[in-house]
Structure formats: structure tokens, C-alpha cells
Amino acid sequence: MVHASLFTGIGGFDLAAEWMGWTNSFQCEIDPFCQKVLAKNF
């Protein structure tokens, strides 16, 4: 399954979705701290 992530936060749901075999098409986050976490981990 393919999903898009809006209001991503630090990517907890995206990580769980990845573990379930889903593909993330994009992430959208406005908070600078969360953007840094996402850039490091994804």
C-alpha cells in the first residue's frame, strides 16, 4: 500500500507503516525540529 504523510511529526506512523510493508510517497511537516529528525531518519 502507498500512503502520504501529512503533519508527519517525527515520523512514528511512517516508521510503523514501513514495518508493515507500506510505501511512503511523501512527508509534509512544518516544524523545524521535526524536519531535522525526518531528514536524519528517512
PDB file of N, CA and C in Angstrom:
ATOM      1  N   MET A   1       0.851  -1.171   0.000  1.00  0.00           N
ATOM      2  CA  MET A   1       0.000   0.000   0.000  1.00  0.00           C
ATOM      3  C   MET A   1       0.899   1.237   0.000  1.00  0.00           C
ATOM      4  N   VAL A   2       0.455   2.258  -0.672  1.00  0.00           N
ATOM      5  CA  VAL A   2       1.181   3.526  -0.731  1.00  0.00           C
ATOM      6  C   VAL A   2       0.390   4.562   0.055  1.00  0.00           C
ATOM      7  N   HIS A   3       1.086   5.343   0.877  1.00  0.00           N
ATOM      8  CA  HIS A   3       0.404   6.384   1.642  1.00  0.00           C
ATOM      9  C   HIS A   3       1.214   7.666   1.623  1.00  0.00           C
ATOM     10  N   ALA A   4       0.539   8.765   1.911  1.00  0.00           N
ATOM     11  CA  ALA A   4       1.176  10.074   2.042  1.00  0.00           C
ATOM     12  C   ALA A   4       1.067  10.496   3.499  1.00  0.00           C
ATOM     13  N   SER A   5       2.051  11.201   3.989  1.00  0.00           N
ATOM     14  CA  SER A   5       2.084  11.584   5.393  1.00  0.00           C
ATOM     15  C   SER A   5       1.996  13.101   5.535  1.00  0.00           C
ATOM     16  N   LEU A   6       0.866  13.577   6.026  1.00  0.00           N
ATOM     17  CA  LEU A   6       0.683  14.996   6.327  1.00  0.00           C
ATOM     18  C   LEU A   6       0.799  15.186   7.833  1.00  0.00           C
ATOM     19  N   PHE A   7       1.319  16.313   8.274  1.00  0.00           N
ATOM     20  CA  PHE A   7       1.522  16.568   9.710  1.00  0.00           C
ATOM     21  C   PHE A   7       2.326  15.412  10.312  1.00  0.00           C
ATOM     22  N   THR A   8       3.469  15.130   9.720  1.00  0.00           N
ATOM     23  CA  THR A   8       4.256  13.930   9.976  1.00  0.00           C
ATOM     24  C   THR A   8       4.820  13.840  11.387  1.00  0.00           C
ATOM     25  N   GLY A   9       5.120  14.963  12.006  1.00  0.00           N
ATOM     26  CA  GLY A   9       5.757  14.908  13.324  1.00  0.00           C
ATOM     27  C   GLY A   9       7.161  14.350  13.175  1.00  0.00           C
ATOM     28  N   ILE A  10       7.541  13.415  14.042  1.00  0.00           N
ATOM     29  CA  ILE A  10       8.869  12.809  13.937  1.00  0.00           C
ATOM     30  C   ILE A  10       8.842  11.491  13.167  1.00  0.00           C
ATOM     31  N   GLY A  11       7.703  11.160  12.564  1.00  0.00           N
ATOM     32  CA  GLY A  11       7.635  10.011  11.666  1.00  0.00           C
ATOM     33  C   GLY A  11       7.274   8.687  12.305  1.00  0.00           C
ATOM     34  N   GLY A  12       6.662   8.705  13.475  1.00  0.00           N
ATOM     35  CA  GLY A  12       6.294   7.455  14.150  1.00  0.00           C
ATOM     36  C   GLY A  12       5.345   6.592  13.333  1.00  0.00           C
ATOM     37  N   PHE A  13       4.297   7.199  12.797  1.00  0.00           N
ATOM     38  CA  PHE A  13       3.351   6.443  11.983  1.00  0.00           C
ATOM     39  C   PHE A  13       4.027   5.943  10.709  1.00  0.00           C
ATOM     40  N   ASP A  14       4.884   6.769  10.125  1.00  0.00           N
ATOM     41  CA  ASP A  14       5.583   6.373   8.904  1.00  0.00           C
ATOM     42  C   ASP A  14       6.489   5.176   9.154  1.00  0.00           C
ATOM     43  N   LEU A  15       7.146   5.147  10.287  1.00  0.00           N
ATOM     44  CA  LEU A  15       8.000   4.019  10.634  1.00  0.00           C
ATOM     45  C   LEU A  15       7.169   2.748  10.790  1.00  0.00           C
ATOM     46  N   ALA A  16       6.041   2.849  11.486  1.00  0.00           N
ATOM     47  CA  ALA A  16       5.159   1.688  11.647  1.00  0.00           C
ATOM     48  C   ALA A  16       4.636   1.214  10.294  1.00  0.00           C
ATOM     49  N   ALA A  17       4.270   2.150   9.432  1.00  0.00           N
ATOM     50  CA  ALA A  17       3.778   1.791   8.101  1.00  0.00           C
ATOM     51  C   ALA A  17       4.869   1.080   7.300  1.00  0.00           C
ATOM     52  N   GLU A  18       6.098   1.549   7.429  1.00  0.00           N
ATOM     53  CA  GLU A  18       7.216   0.913   6.738  1.00  0.00           C
ATOM     54  C   GLU A  18       7.400  -0.520   7.227  1.00  0.00           C
ATOM     55  N   TRP A  19       7.282  -0.733   8.528  1.00  0.00           N
ATOM     56  CA  TRP A  19       7.400  -2.079   9.093  1.00  0.00           C
ATOM     57  C   TRP A  19       6.310  -3.005   8.559  1.00  0.00           C
ATOM     58  N   MET A  20       5.142  -2.433   8.223  1.00  0.00           N
ATOM     59  CA  MET A  20       4.026  -3.229   7.691  1.00  0.00           C
ATOM     60  C   MET A  20       4.143  -3.435   6.180  1.00  0.00           C
ATOM     61  N   GLY A  21       5.179  -2.869   5.565  1.00  0.00           N
ATOM     62  CA  GLY A  21       5.390  -3.050   4.144  1.00  0.00           C
ATOM     63  C   GLY A  21       4.791  -1.969   3.266  1.00  0.00           C
ATOM     64  N   TRP A  22       4.274  -0.905   3.870  1.00  0.00           N
ATOM     65  CA  TRP A  22       3.701   0.198   3.094  1.00  0.00           C
ATOM     66  C   TRP A  22       4.830   1.064   2.540  1.00  0.00           C
ATOM     67  N   THR A  23       4.533   1.764   1.463  1.00  0.00           N
ATOM     68  CA  THR A  23       5.480   2.693   0.850  1.00  0.00           C
ATOM     69  C   THR A  23       5.003   4.119   1.097  1.00  0.00           C
ATOM     70  N   ASN A  24       5.888   4.946   1.601  1.00  0.00           N
ATOM     71  CA  ASN A  24       5.549   6.344   1.857  1.00  0.00           C
ATOM     72  C   ASN A  24       5.865   7.168   0.611  1.00  0.00           C
ATOM     73  N   SER A  25       4.858   7.842   0.053  1.00  0.00           N
ATOM     74  CA  SER A  25       5.094   8.640  -1.155  1.00  0.00           C
ATOM     75  C   SER A  25       5.693  10.003  -0.822  1.00  0.00           C
ATOM     76  N   PHE A  26       5.292  10.615   0.299  1.00  0.00           N
ATOM     77  CA  PHE A  26       5.908  11.866   0.732  1.00  0.00           C
ATOM     78  C   PHE A  26       5.555  12.157   2.181  1.00  0.00           C
ATOM     79  N   GLN A  27       6.329  13.045   2.789  1.00  0.00           N
ATOM     80  CA  GLN A  27       6.084  13.523   4.147  1.00  0.00           C
ATOM     81  C   GLN A  27       5.957  15.038   4.102  1.00  0.00           C
ATOM     82  N   CYS A  28       5.088  15.587   4.934  1.00  0.00           N
ATOM     83  CA  CYS A  28       4.886  17.032   4.985  1.00  0.00           C
ATOM     84  C   CYS A  28       4.898  17.468   6.454  1.00  0.00           C
ATOM     85  N   GLU A  29       5.870  18.281   6.819  1.00  0.00           N
ATOM     86  CA  GLU A  29       5.985  18.755   8.200  1.00  0.00           C
ATOM     87  C   GLU A  29       6.524  20.178   8.188  1.00  0.00           C
ATOM     88  N   ILE A  30       5.941  21.048   8.999  1.00  0.00           N
ATOM     89  CA  ILE A  30       6.333  22.461   9.039  1.00  0.00           C
ATOM     90  C   ILE A  30       7.298  22.776  10.195  1.00  0.00           C
ATOM     91  N   ASP A  31       7.269  21.992  11.251  1.00  0.00           N
ATOM     92  CA  ASP A  31       8.094  22.259  12.430  1.00  0.00           C
ATOM     93  C   ASP A  31       9.573  21.988  12.123  1.00  0.00           C
ATOM     94  N   PRO A  32      10.452  22.980  12.343  1.00  0.00           N
ATOM     95  CA  PRO A  32      11.878  22.823  12.014  1.00  0.00           C
ATOM     96  C   PRO A  32      12.559  21.657  12.738  1.00  0.00           C
ATOM     97  N   PHE A  33      12.248  21.451  14.014  1.00  0.00           N
ATOM     98  CA  PHE A  33      12.862  20.339  14.745  1.00  0.00           C
ATOM     99  C   PHE A  33      12.451  19.011  14.129  1.00  0.00           C
ATOM    100  N   CYS A  34      11.170  18.856  13.862  1.00  0.00           N
ATOM    101  CA  CYS A  34      10.678  17.612  13.262  1.00  0.00           C
ATOM    102  C   CYS A  34      11.280  17.403  11.875  1.00  0.00           C
ATOM    103  N   GLN A  35      11.462  18.472  11.119  1.00  0.00           N
ATOM    104  CA  GLN A  35      12.086  18.363   9.798  1.00  0.00           C
ATOM    105  C   GLN A  35      13.506  17.815   9.910  1.00  0.00           C
ATOM    106  N   LYS A  36      14.238  18.254  10.932  1.00  0.00           N
ATOM    107  CA  LYS A  36      15.603  17.762  11.138  1.00  0.00           C
ATOM    108  C   LYS A  36      15.600  16.280  11.489  1.00  0.00           C
ATOM    109  N   VAL A  37      14.665  15.870  12.348  1.00  0.00           N
ATOM    110  CA  VAL A  37      14.555  14.453  12.723  1.00  0.00           C
ATOM    111  C   VAL A  37      14.226  13.615  11.491  1.00  0.00           C
ATOM    112  N   LEU A  38      13.276  14.074  10.689  1.00  0.00           N
ATOM    113  CA  LEU A  38      12.893  13.347   9.474  1.00  0.00           C
ATOM    114  C   LEU A  38      14.058  13.250   8.496  1.00  0.00           C
ATOM    115  N   ALA A  39      14.795  14.345   8.321  1.00  0.00           N
ATOM    116  CA  ALA A  39      15.932  14.338   7.399  1.00  0.00           C
ATOM    117  C   ALA A  39      16.994  13.335   7.841  1.00  0.00           C
ATOM    118  N   LYS A  40      17.180  13.204   9.142  1.00  0.00           N
ATOM    119  CA  LYS A  40      18.182  12.277   9.668  1.00  0.00           C
ATOM    120  C   LYS A  40      17.733  10.824   9.541  1.00  0.00           C
ATOM    121  N   ASN A  41      16.451  10.562   9.798  1.00  0.00           N
ATOM    122  CA  ASN A  41      15.975   9.180   9.884  1.00  0.00           C
ATOM    123  C   ASN A  41      15.354   8.621   8.612  1.00  0.00           C
ATOM    124  N   PHE A  42      14.946   9.483   7.711  1.00  0.00           N
ATOM    125  CA  PHE A  42      14.302   8.979   6.493  1.00  0.00           C
ATOM    126  C   PHE A  42      15.078   9.452   5.330  1.00  0.00           C
TER     127      PHE A  42
END
